[in-house]
C-alpha atoms as a PDB file:
ATOM      1  CA  MET A   1       0.002  -0.001   0.004  1.00  0.00           C
ATOM      2  CA  ASN A   2       1.380   3.418  -0.825  1.00  0.00           C
ATOM      3  CA  ILE A   3       1.997   6.291   1.589  1.00  0.00           C
ATOM      4  CA  LEU A   4      -1.264   8.102   0.752  1.00  0.00           C
ATOM      5  CA  GLY A   5      -3.233   4.910   1.456  1.00  0.00           C
ATOM      6  CA  TRP A   6      -1.550   4.542   4.854  1.00  0.00           C
ATOM      7  CA  VAL A   7      -2.359   8.171   5.708  1.00  0.00           C
ATOM      8  CA  VAL A   8      -6.029   7.886   4.674  1.00  0.00           C
ATOM      9  CA  LEU A   9      -6.574   4.487   6.324  1.00  0.00           C
ATOM     10  CA  GLY A  10      -4.658   5.660   9.408  1.00  0.00           C
ATOM     11  CA  GLY A  11      -6.711   8.840   9.653  1.00  0.00           C
ATOM     12  CA  ILE A  12     -10.010   6.985   9.485  1.00  0.00           C
ATOM     13  CA  ALA A  13      -8.857   4.252  11.883  1.00  0.00           C
ATOM     14  CA  GLY A  14      -7.409   6.765  14.345  1.00  0.00           C
ATOM     15  CA  TRP A  15     -10.575   8.851  14.268  1.00  0.00           C
ATOM     16  CA  LEU A  16     -12.795   5.811  14.909  1.00  0.00           C
ATOM     17  CA  ALA A  17     -10.485   4.613  17.701  1.00  0.00           C
ATOM     18  CA  SER A  18     -10.495   8.058  19.320  1.00  0.00           C
ATOM     19  CA  ILE A  19     -14.304   7.971  19.356  1.00  0.00           C
ATOM     20  CA  ILE A  20     -14.284   4.476  20.889  1.00  0.00           C
ATOM     21  CA  THR A  21     -11.796   5.481  23.601  1.00  0.00           C
ATOM     22  CA  ARG A  22     -13.522   8.865  24.155  1.00  0.00           C
ATOM     23  CA  ARG A  23     -10.393  10.889  23.330  1.00  0.00           C
ATOM     24  CA  ASN A  24     -11.913  12.552  20.255  1.00  0.00           C
ATOM     25  CA  ASP A  25     -12.233  15.987  21.863  1.00  0.00           C
ATOM     26  CA  ARG A  26      -8.486  16.088  22.646  1.00  0.00           C
ATOM     27  CA  MET A  27      -7.080  14.702  19.385  1.00  0.00           C
ATOM     28  CA  GLY A  28      -6.450  16.562  16.188  1.00  0.00           C
ATOM     29  CA  CYS A  29      -6.144  15.309  12.648  1.00  0.00           C
ATOM     30  CA  LEU A  30      -2.403  14.613  12.869  1.00  0.00           C
ATOM     31  CA  SER A  31      -2.826  12.685  16.138  1.00  0.00           C
ATOM     32  CA  ASN A  32      -5.596  10.593  14.583  1.00  0.00           C
ATOM     33  CA  ILE A  33      -3.406   9.764  11.585  1.00  0.00           C
ATOM     34  CA  LEU A  34      -0.451   8.858  13.811  1.00  0.00           C
ATOM     35  CA  ALA A  35      -2.627   6.710  16.100  1.00  0.00           C
ATOM     36  CA  GLY A  36      -4.150   4.974  13.077  1.00  0.00           C
ATOM     37  CA  ILE A  37      -0.821   4.230  11.405  1.00  0.00           C
ATOM     38  CA  LEU A  38       0.641   2.916  14.679  1.00  0.00           C
ATOM     39  CA  GLY A  39      -2.602   1.036  15.185  1.00  0.00           C
ATOM     40  CA  GLY A  40      -2.231  -0.585  11.778  1.00  0.00           C
ATOM     41  CA  ILE A  41       1.253  -1.771  12.718  1.00  0.00           C
ATOM     42  CA  VAL A  42       0.225  -2.995  16.198  1.00  0.00           C
ATOM     43  CA  GLY A  43      -3.053  -4.488  14.967  1.00  0.00           C
ATOM     44  CA  GLY A  44      -1.326  -6.204  12.063  1.00  0.00           C
ATOM     45  CA  TRP A  45       1.208  -7.727  14.437  1.00  0.00           C
ATOM     46  CA  LEU A  46      -1.513  -8.844  16.891  1.00  0.00           C
ATOM     47  CA  PHE A  47      -3.732 -10.359  14.197  1.00  0.00           C
ATOM     48  CA  THR A  48      -0.865 -12.266  12.560  1.00  0.00           C
ATOM     49  CA  PHE A  49       0.373 -13.422  15.976  1.00  0.00           C
ATOM     50  CA  PHE A  50      -3.016 -15.003  16.666  1.00  0.00           C
ATOM     51  CA  GLY A  51      -3.276 -16.587  13.209  1.00  0.00           C
ATOM     52  CA  GLY A  52      -5.246 -13.945  11.277  1.00  0.00           C
ATOM     53  CA  THR A  53      -4.294 -11.623   8.484  1.00  0.00           C
ATOM     54  CA  GLY A  54      -2.898  -8.164   9.067  1.00  0.00           C
ATOM     55  CA  VAL A  55      -3.317  -5.054   6.952  1.00  0.00           C
ATOM     56  CA  THR A  56      -3.594  -6.334   3.378  1.00  0.00           C
ATOM     57  CA  GLY A  57      -4.575  -3.187   1.502  1.00  0.00           C
ATOM     58  CA  PHE A  58      -7.284  -0.559   1.468  1.00  0.00           C
ATOM     59  CA  ASN A  59     -10.283  -2.705   2.475  1.00  0.00           C
ATOM     60  CA  LEU A  60     -12.716  -3.224   5.338  1.00  0.00           C
ATOM     61  CA  MET A  61     -10.688  -5.954   7.078  1.00  0.00           C
ATOM     62  CA  SER A  62      -7.598  -3.751   7.084  1.00  0.00           C
ATOM     63  CA  LEU A  63      -9.650  -0.916   8.558  1.00  0.00           C
ATOM     64  CA  ILE A  64     -10.893  -3.217  11.321  1.00  0.00           C
ATOM     65  CA  VAL A  65      -7.334  -4.399  12.058  1.00  0.00           C
ATOM     66  CA  ALA A  66      -6.103  -0.796  12.199  1.00  0.00           C
ATOM     67  CA  VAL A  67      -8.977   0.332  14.448  1.00  0.00           C
ATOM     68  CA  VAL A  68      -8.352  -2.531  16.890  1.00  0.00           C
ATOM     69  CA  GLY A  69      -4.638  -1.709  16.945  1.00  0.00           C
ATOM     70  CA  ALA A  70      -5.330   2.011  17.394  1.00  0.00           C
ATOM     71  CA  VAL A  71      -7.662   1.275  20.312  1.00  0.00           C
ATOM     72  CA  VAL A  72      -4.822  -0.707  21.907  1.00  0.00           C
ATOM     73  CA  VAL A  73      -2.377   2.159  21.258  1.00  0.00           C
ATOM     74  CA  LEU A  74      -4.778   4.752  22.736  1.00  0.00           C
ATOM     75  CA  ALA A  75      -5.481   2.511  25.742  1.00  0.00           C
ATOM     76  CA  ILE A  76      -1.741   2.362  26.423  1.00  0.00           C
ATOM     77  CA  VAL A  77      -1.526   6.157  26.045  1.00  0.00           C
ATOM     78  CA  ASN A  78      -4.399   6.498  28.539  1.00  0.00           C
ATOM     79  CA  LEU A  79      -2.577   4.246  30.992  1.00  0.00           C
ATOM     80  CA  ILE A  80       0.691   6.165  30.689  1.00  0.00           C
ATOM     81  CA  PHE A  81      -0.602   9.739  30.621  1.00  0.00           C
ATOM     82  CA  GLY A  82      -4.036   9.291  32.203  1.00  0.00           C
ATOM     83  CA  ARG A  83      -7.208  11.103  31.340  1.00  0.00           C
ATOM     84  CA  LYS A  84      -7.286  14.812  31.921  1.00  0.00           C
END
């Protein structure tokens, strides 16, 4: 997947994950993209570790993998920095 695809998929995944973790009011566009891209990496690793497929392109399954990974990333951020 090219760079633009990672940015778009990461932005959507990060935005959805920020809504799920209730951090949407404190996150901007760049933070959503970063959380989504990191979420794609973490989610891809987790899904392949447990026998699934990771991020395979710009499709619904890849979005789900990235959202799950971004929720994990934002949960870790919440544990480290707490909710303010």
